[in-house]
Amino acid sequence: MAFREKSAWLMLVVLLLVGGYVAYTGFSYYLTAQEVPPFLPIVIQLTVSLIAFSVIGQIVLGIAHRRTASEPADERERLITQRGQAVAGFVLAFAIITSLLHYMFHLNGDLLFFSCLISLVLAQVFEYAVQIIGYRRGH
């Protein structure tokens, strides 16, 4: 398995765990209080958790694969990365437009912020998932 594929797996797992926890916390708060949770603690929690887990994970991967970690990406890896970024862009655009349309009917700015934040996480999940599929298929 290539270093960049392992890195994509790491980031996918981190995003699913942290993003899933934040989404679960936000939705459970909404179901009990019938209002959108305050967004500043959620943003801080998401940001700090993502940074900590991804930095620690990338350091461990880099130490475990010293030789391959510093190699530049070849043409196939660049194409896989570009394909993942393209899909993530479409997912992000669709999710943000959906969030804005939802805001037009409910006029809740906190809910708009929360849905845009989840849209960012969802787009990154799709980016890494498409990259992993590309590595697994070999193109």
N, C-alpha and C. Protein backbone atom coordinates (compact mmCIF):
# COMPACT_ATOMS: atom_id res chain seq x y z
N MET A 1 0.85 -1.17 0.00
CA MET A 1 0.00 0.00 0.00
C MET A 1 0.90 1.24 0.00
N ALA A 2 0.62 2.18 -0.87
CA ALA A 2 1.42 3.39 -1.01
C ALA A 2 1.24 4.30 0.22
N PHE A 3 2.27 5.11 0.48
CA PHE A 3 2.21 6.02 1.62
C PHE A 3 1.02 6.97 1.52
N ARG A 4 0.77 7.49 0.32
CA ARG A 4 -0.35 8.43 0.17
C ARG A 4 -1.70 7.75 0.36
N GLU A 5 -1.78 6.49 0.01
CA GLU A 5 -3.02 5.75 0.26
C GLU A 5 -3.23 5.56 1.76
N LYS A 6 -2.17 5.23 2.47
CA LYS A 6 -2.27 5.10 3.93
C LYS A 6 -2.64 6.43 4.56
N SER A 7 -2.08 7.50 4.03
CA SER A 7 -2.42 8.83 4.52
C SER A 7 -3.89 9.15 4.27
N ALA A 8 -4.40 8.77 3.11
CA ALA A 8 -5.82 8.99 2.80
C ALA A 8 -6.70 8.17 3.73
N TRP A 9 -6.31 6.93 4.01
CA TRP A 9 -7.07 6.10 4.95
C TRP A 9 -7.08 6.74 6.33
N LEU A 10 -5.93 7.21 6.77
CA LEU A 10 -5.84 7.86 8.07
C LEU A 10 -6.79 9.06 8.15
N MET A 11 -6.73 9.91 7.14
CA MET A 11 -7.56 11.11 7.16
C MET A 11 -9.05 10.77 7.05
N LEU A 12 -9.38 9.75 6.28
CA LEU A 12 -10.77 9.33 6.18
C LEU A 12 -11.29 8.85 7.53
N VAL A 13 -10.52 8.04 8.21
CA VAL A 13 -10.94 7.54 9.52
C VAL A 13 -11.06 8.68 10.52
N VAL A 14 -10.08 9.58 10.53
CA VAL A 14 -10.12 10.72 11.45
C VAL A 14 -11.34 11.59 11.17
N LEU A 15 -11.59 11.89 9.91
CA LEU A 15 -12.75 12.71 9.56
C LEU A 15 -14.06 12.03 9.91
N LEU A 16 -14.16 10.73 9.68
CA LEU A 16 -15.39 10.02 10.02
C LEU A 16 -15.62 10.00 11.53
N LEU A 17 -14.56 9.77 12.29
CA LEU A 17 -14.71 9.73 13.74
C LEU A 17 -15.03 11.11 14.32
N VAL A 18 -14.21 12.09 13.99
CA VAL A 18 -14.40 13.43 14.56
C VAL A 18 -15.64 14.10 13.98
N GLY A 19 -15.80 14.04 12.67
CA GLY A 19 -16.99 14.63 12.05
C GLY A 19 -18.27 13.95 12.48
N GLY A 20 -18.22 12.62 12.60
CA GLY A 20 -19.38 11.88 13.07
C GLY A 20 -19.74 12.23 14.49
N TYR A 21 -18.71 12.38 15.34
CA TYR A 21 -18.97 12.76 16.73
C TYR A 21 -19.57 14.15 16.83
N VAL A 22 -19.03 15.09 16.07
CA VAL A 22 -19.56 16.46 16.09
C VAL A 22 -20.99 16.48 15.56
N ALA A 23 -21.26 15.76 14.48
CA ALA A 23 -22.62 15.71 13.93
C ALA A 23 -23.57 15.06 14.93
N TYR A 24 -23.14 13.97 15.55
CA TYR A 24 -23.98 13.29 16.54
C TYR A 24 -24.27 14.22 17.72
N THR A 25 -23.24 14.90 18.21
CA THR A 25 -23.42 15.82 19.33
C THR A 25 -24.38 16.95 18.96
N GLY A 26 -24.20 17.52 17.79
CA GLY A 26 -25.07 18.62 17.36
C GLY A 26 -26.50 18.18 17.16
N PHE A 27 -26.70 17.04 16.51
CA PHE A 27 -28.07 16.57 16.27
C PHE A 27 -28.75 16.11 17.55
N SER A 28 -28.01 15.48 18.46
CA SER A 28 -28.64 15.06 19.72
C SER A 28 -29.01 16.28 20.56
N TYR A 29 -28.18 17.32 20.54
CA TYR A 29 -28.52 18.57 21.23
C TYR A 29 -29.78 19.18 20.62
N TYR A 30 -29.84 19.16 19.30
CA TYR A 30 -31.01 19.72 18.61
C TYR A 30 -32.28 18.95 18.96
N LEU A 31 -32.19 17.64 19.03
CA LEU A 31 -33.37 16.83 19.34
C LEU A 31 -33.86 17.03 20.77
N THR A 32 -32.94 17.25 21.71
CA THR A 32 -33.36 17.43 23.10
C THR A 32 -33.79 18.86 23.39
N ALA A 33 -33.08 19.85 22.87
CA ALA A 33 -33.38 21.25 23.18
C ALA A 33 -34.24 21.93 22.13
N GLN A 34 -34.44 21.29 20.98
CA GLN A 34 -35.21 21.86 19.87
C GLN A 34 -34.63 23.19 19.38
N GLU A 35 -33.33 23.30 19.49
CA GLU A 35 -32.62 24.45 18.92
C GLU A 35 -31.23 24.00 18.51
N VAL A 36 -30.64 24.76 17.63
CA VAL A 36 -29.30 24.43 17.13
C VAL A 36 -28.29 24.78 18.22
N PRO A 37 -27.32 23.91 18.46
CA PRO A 37 -26.35 24.18 19.52
C PRO A 37 -25.48 25.38 19.19
N PRO A 38 -24.92 26.02 20.22
CA PRO A 38 -23.99 27.12 19.96
C PRO A 38 -22.80 26.61 19.15
N PHE A 39 -22.43 27.36 18.12
CA PHE A 39 -21.47 26.83 17.15
C PHE A 39 -20.02 27.01 17.54
N LEU A 40 -19.68 27.97 18.40
CA LEU A 40 -18.28 28.20 18.73
C LEU A 40 -17.63 26.99 19.41
N PRO A 41 -18.26 26.37 20.41
CA PRO A 41 -17.64 25.17 20.98
C PRO A 41 -17.50 24.03 19.97
N ILE A 42 -18.44 23.92 19.06
CA ILE A 42 -18.37 22.86 18.05
C ILE A 42 -17.21 23.11 17.10
N VAL A 43 -17.04 24.35 16.67
CA VAL A 43 -15.94 24.68 15.75
C VAL A 43 -14.59 24.45 16.43
N ILE A 44 -14.48 24.87 17.68
CA ILE A 44 -13.22 24.67 18.41
C ILE A 44 -12.94 23.19 18.58
N GLN A 45 -13.96 22.45 18.98
CA GLN A 45 -13.80 21.01 19.17
C GLN A 45 -13.41 20.31 17.87
N LEU A 46 -14.08 20.63 16.79
CA LEU A 46 -13.78 20.02 15.50
C LEU A 46 -12.37 20.37 15.04
N THR A 47 -12.02 21.64 15.11
CA THR A 47 -10.72 22.09 14.62
C THR A 47 -9.57 21.48 15.42
N VAL A 48 -9.65 21.57 16.74
CA VAL A 48 -8.57 21.05 17.58
C VAL A 48 -8.44 19.54 17.42
N SER A 49 -9.56 18.84 17.39
CA SER A 49 -9.52 17.38 17.24
C SER A 49 -8.93 16.97 15.90
N LEU A 50 -9.38 17.61 14.82
CA LEU A 50 -8.86 17.26 13.49
C LEU A 50 -7.37 17.54 13.39
N ILE A 51 -6.95 18.68 13.89
CA ILE A 51 -5.52 19.02 13.82
C ILE A 51 -4.70 18.04 14.63
N ALA A 52 -5.13 17.77 15.86
CA ALA A 52 -4.35 16.89 16.73
C ALA A 52 -4.25 15.48 16.15
N PHE A 53 -5.38 14.91 15.77
CA PHE A 53 -5.36 13.53 15.26
C PHE A 53 -4.63 13.42 13.93
N SER A 54 -4.81 14.39 13.05
CA SER A 54 -4.14 14.29 11.75
C SER A 54 -2.64 14.51 11.88
N VAL A 55 -2.21 15.45 12.71
CA VAL A 55 -0.77 15.68 12.88
C VAL A 55 -0.11 14.47 13.52
N ILE A 56 -0.71 13.96 14.59
CA ILE A 56 -0.13 12.79 15.25
C ILE A 56 -0.10 11.60 14.30
N GLY A 57 -1.19 11.38 13.58
CA GLY A 57 -1.25 10.27 12.64
C GLY A 57 -0.25 10.39 11.51
N GLN A 58 -0.11 11.60 10.96
CA GLN A 58 0.85 11.79 9.87
C GLN A 58 2.29 11.64 10.36
N ILE A 59 2.56 12.06 11.58
CA ILE A 59 3.91 11.88 12.13
C ILE A 59 4.22 10.39 12.28
N VAL A 60 3.26 9.65 12.81
CA VAL A 60 3.46 8.20 12.97
C VAL A 60 3.65 7.54 11.61
N LEU A 61 2.83 7.91 10.63
CA LEU A 61 2.99 7.35 9.28
C LEU A 61 4.34 7.72 8.68
N GLY A 62 4.75 8.97 8.86
CA GLY A 62 6.03 9.42 8.32
C GLY A 62 7.21 8.69 8.94
N ILE A 63 7.14 8.44 10.23
CA ILE A 63 8.21 7.70 10.90
C ILE A 63 8.22 6.24 10.44
N ALA A 64 7.04 5.66 10.31
CA ALA A 64 6.96 4.26 9.91
C ALA A 64 7.40 4.04 8.46
N HIS A 65 7.26 5.04 7.61
CA HIS A 65 7.59 4.93 6.19
C HIS A 65 8.52 6.07 5.79
N ARG A 66 9.70 6.11 6.38
CA ARG A 66 10.63 7.21 6.16
C ARG A 66 11.02 7.39 4.69
N ARG A 67 11.29 6.28 4.03
CA ARG A 67 11.78 6.39 2.65
C ARG A 67 10.71 6.87 1.69
N THR A 68 9.52 6.32 1.79
CA THR A 68 8.48 6.66 0.82
C THR A 68 7.72 7.93 1.16
N ALA A 69 7.82 8.39 2.41
CA ALA A 69 7.06 9.57 2.82
C ALA A 69 7.54 10.84 2.13
N SER A 70 8.82 10.92 1.85
CA SER A 70 9.36 12.15 1.26
C SER A 70 9.46 12.11 -0.26
N GLU A 71 9.07 11.01 -0.86
CA GLU A 71 9.11 10.92 -2.33
C GLU A 71 8.03 11.80 -2.94
N PRO A 72 8.35 12.47 -4.05
CA PRO A 72 7.31 13.27 -4.71
C PRO A 72 6.25 12.37 -5.34
N ALA A 73 5.07 12.91 -5.49
CA ALA A 73 3.97 12.15 -6.08
C ALA A 73 4.25 11.90 -7.56
N ASP A 74 3.96 10.68 -8.01
CA ASP A 74 4.12 10.40 -9.43
C ASP A 74 2.85 10.82 -10.17
N GLU A 75 2.85 10.60 -11.48
CA GLU A 75 1.73 11.06 -12.32
C GLU A 75 0.41 10.40 -11.91
N ARG A 76 0.45 9.11 -11.61
CA ARG A 76 -0.77 8.39 -11.21
C ARG A 76 -1.32 8.95 -9.90
N GLU A 77 -0.44 9.21 -8.94
CA GLU A 77 -0.88 9.75 -7.65
C GLU A 77 -1.44 11.15 -7.80
N ARG A 78 -0.86 11.95 -8.68
CA ARG A 78 -1.39 13.30 -8.92
C ARG A 78 -2.78 13.24 -9.53
N LEU A 79 -2.99 12.31 -10.47
CA LEU A 79 -4.31 12.16 -11.09
C LEU A 79 -5.35 11.68 -10.07
N ILE A 80 -4.96 10.76 -9.21
CA ILE A 80 -5.87 10.28 -8.18
C ILE A 80 -6.25 11.42 -7.23
N THR A 81 -5.27 12.22 -6.85
CA THR A 81 -5.54 13.36 -5.97
C THR A 81 -6.45 14.38 -6.65
N GLN A 82 -6.20 14.67 -7.91
CA GLN A 82 -7.04 15.63 -8.64
C GLN A 82 -8.46 15.13 -8.79
N ARG A 83 -8.64 13.84 -9.03
CA ARG A 83 -9.98 13.27 -9.15
C ARG A 83 -10.73 13.40 -7.82
N GLY A 84 -10.04 13.12 -6.73
CA GLY A 84 -10.65 13.27 -5.41
C GLY A 84 -11.04 14.70 -5.11
N GLN A 85 -10.18 15.64 -5.48
CA GLN A 85 -10.48 17.06 -5.26
C GLN A 85 -11.64 17.52 -6.12
N ALA A 86 -11.74 17.01 -7.33
CA ALA A 86 -12.85 17.39 -8.21
C ALA A 86 -14.19 16.90 -7.65
N VAL A 87 -14.22 15.66 -7.19
CA VAL A 87 -15.46 15.13 -6.61
C VAL A 87 -15.81 15.90 -5.34
N ALA A 88 -14.81 16.20 -4.52
CA ALA A 88 -15.06 16.95 -3.29
C ALA A 88 -15.62 18.34 -3.60
N GLY A 89 -15.15 18.95 -4.66
CA GLY A 89 -15.68 20.26 -5.05
C GLY A 89 -17.15 20.20 -5.41
N PHE A 90 -17.54 19.18 -6.15
CA PHE A 90 -18.96 19.02 -6.50
C PHE A 90 -19.81 18.74 -5.27
N VAL A 91 -19.32 17.88 -4.39
CA VAL A 91 -20.06 17.57 -3.16
C VAL A 91 -20.21 18.82 -2.30
N LEU A 92 -19.14 19.58 -2.17
CA LEU A 92 -19.20 20.80 -1.37
C LEU A 92 -20.17 21.80 -1.97
N ALA A 93 -20.12 22.00 -3.28
CA ALA A 93 -21.03 22.94 -3.93
C ALA A 93 -22.48 22.51 -3.74
N PHE A 94 -22.78 21.23 -3.94
CA PHE A 94 -24.14 20.74 -3.76
C PHE A 94 -24.61 20.91 -2.32
N ALA A 95 -23.75 20.56 -1.37
CA ALA A 95 -24.14 20.64 0.04
C ALA A 95 -24.32 22.09 0.49
N ILE A 96 -23.49 23.00 0.02
CA ILE A 96 -23.63 24.41 0.40
C ILE A 96 -24.89 25.00 -0.22
N ILE A 97 -25.15 24.69 -1.48
CA ILE A 97 -26.38 25.19 -2.12
C ILE A 97 -27.61 24.63 -1.41
N THR A 98 -27.56 23.36 -1.03
CA THR A 98 -28.67 22.77 -0.28
C THR A 98 -28.84 23.47 1.06
N SER A 99 -27.73 23.78 1.73
CA SER A 99 -27.80 24.49 3.00
C SER A 99 -28.40 25.88 2.83
N LEU A 100 -28.02 26.57 1.77
CA LEU A 100 -28.56 27.91 1.52
C LEU A 100 -30.05 27.86 1.20
N LEU A 101 -30.46 26.86 0.43
CA LEU A 101 -31.89 26.71 0.14
C LEU A 101 -32.67 26.39 1.41
N HIS A 102 -32.10 25.58 2.27
CA HIS A 102 -32.73 25.27 3.55
C HIS A 102 -32.87 26.53 4.39
N TYR A 103 -31.84 27.38 4.36
CA TYR A 103 -31.88 28.64 5.11
C TYR A 103 -33.00 29.55 4.60
N MET A 104 -33.24 29.55 3.30
CA MET A 104 -34.28 30.41 2.74
C MET A 104 -35.65 30.10 3.33
N PHE A 105 -35.88 28.85 3.71
CA PHE A 105 -37.19 28.47 4.24
C PHE A 105 -37.25 28.53 5.76
N HIS A 106 -36.13 28.32 6.45
CA HIS A 106 -36.16 28.26 7.91
C HIS A 106 -35.56 29.49 8.59
N LEU A 107 -34.77 30.28 7.88
CA LEU A 107 -34.18 31.52 8.38
C LEU A 107 -33.49 31.35 9.73
N ASN A 108 -32.70 30.30 9.85
CA ASN A 108 -31.96 30.04 11.07
C ASN A 108 -30.47 30.05 10.73
N GLY A 109 -29.80 31.13 11.11
CA GLY A 109 -28.38 31.29 10.80
C GLY A 109 -27.49 30.27 11.47
N ASP A 110 -27.84 29.88 12.70
CA ASP A 110 -27.04 28.86 13.39
C ASP A 110 -27.12 27.52 12.66
N LEU A 111 -28.31 27.18 12.19
CA LEU A 111 -28.47 25.94 11.44
C LEU A 111 -27.72 26.02 10.11
N LEU A 112 -27.71 27.19 9.48
CA LEU A 112 -26.94 27.37 8.25
C LEU A 112 -25.46 27.14 8.50
N PHE A 113 -24.95 27.73 9.57
CA PHE A 113 -23.54 27.56 9.90
C PHE A 113 -23.22 26.09 10.15
N PHE A 114 -24.05 25.42 10.94
CA PHE A 114 -23.82 24.02 11.27
C PHE A 114 -23.87 23.14 10.02
N SER A 115 -24.83 23.40 9.14
CA SER A 115 -24.93 22.59 7.93
C SER A 115 -23.76 22.86 6.97
N CYS A 116 -23.27 24.09 6.92
CA CYS A 116 -22.09 24.39 6.09
C CYS A 116 -20.85 23.72 6.66
N LEU A 117 -20.74 23.68 7.98
CA LEU A 117 -19.61 23.00 8.62
C LEU A 117 -19.63 21.51 8.31
N ILE A 118 -20.80 20.91 8.41
CA ILE A 118 -20.93 19.49 8.08
C ILE A 118 -20.66 19.27 6.59
N SER A 119 -21.03 20.25 5.75
CA SER A 119 -20.75 20.14 4.31
C SER A 119 -19.26 20.08 4.03
N LEU A 120 -18.48 20.87 4.76
CA LEU A 120 -17.02 20.84 4.60
C LEU A 120 -16.45 19.47 4.97
N VAL A 121 -16.92 18.94 6.08
CA VAL A 121 -16.45 17.62 6.51
C VAL A 121 -16.86 16.56 5.50
N LEU A 122 -18.09 16.63 5.03
CA LEU A 122 -18.60 15.65 4.06
C LEU A 122 -17.79 15.70 2.76
N ALA A 123 -17.45 16.90 2.30
CA ALA A 123 -16.65 17.03 1.07
C ALA A 123 -15.28 16.40 1.25
N GLN A 124 -14.67 16.59 2.41
CA GLN A 124 -13.36 15.98 2.66
C GLN A 124 -13.46 14.47 2.73
N VAL A 125 -14.53 13.96 3.32
CA VAL A 125 -14.73 12.51 3.37
C VAL A 125 -14.81 11.95 1.96
N PHE A 126 -15.56 12.62 1.10
CA PHE A 126 -15.66 12.17 -0.29
C PHE A 126 -14.31 12.24 -1.00
N GLU A 127 -13.54 13.30 -0.74
CA GLU A 127 -12.24 13.42 -1.38
C GLU A 127 -11.34 12.24 -1.04
N TYR A 128 -11.24 11.92 0.23
CA TYR A 128 -10.37 10.81 0.63
C TYR A 128 -10.93 9.47 0.19
N ALA A 129 -12.24 9.31 0.20
CA ALA A 129 -12.84 8.05 -0.26
C ALA A 129 -12.56 7.82 -1.74
N VAL A 130 -12.68 8.87 -2.55
CA VAL A 130 -12.40 8.74 -3.99
C VAL A 130 -10.92 8.44 -4.21
N GLN A 131 -10.06 9.06 -3.43
CA GLN A 131 -8.63 8.76 -3.55
C GLN A 131 -8.34 7.30 -3.21
N ILE A 132 -8.95 6.81 -2.16
CA ILE A 132 -8.74 5.41 -1.77
C ILE A 132 -9.23 4.47 -2.86
N ILE A 133 -10.39 4.77 -3.41
CA ILE A 133 -10.91 3.95 -4.51
C ILE A 133 -9.95 3.98 -5.70
N GLY A 134 -9.41 5.16 -5.99
CA GLY A 134 -8.44 5.28 -7.08
C GLY A 134 -7.19 4.45 -6.83
N TYR A 135 -6.69 4.49 -5.62
CA TYR A 135 -5.51 3.68 -5.29
C TYR A 135 -5.83 2.19 -5.36
N ARG A 136 -6.99 1.80 -4.89
CA ARG A 136 -7.38 0.38 -4.89
C ARG A 136 -7.57 -0.13 -6.32
N ARG A 137 -8.11 0.70 -7.19
CA ARG A 137 -8.32 0.30 -8.59
C ARG A 137 -7.03 0.35 -9.39
N GLY A 138 -6.08 1.14 -8.92
CA GLY A 138 -4.81 1.25 -9.62
C GLY A 138 -4.77 2.39 -10.63
N HIS A 139 -5.76 3.27 -10.59
CA HIS A 139 -5.76 4.44 -11.49
C HIS A 139 -6.47 5.60 -10.87
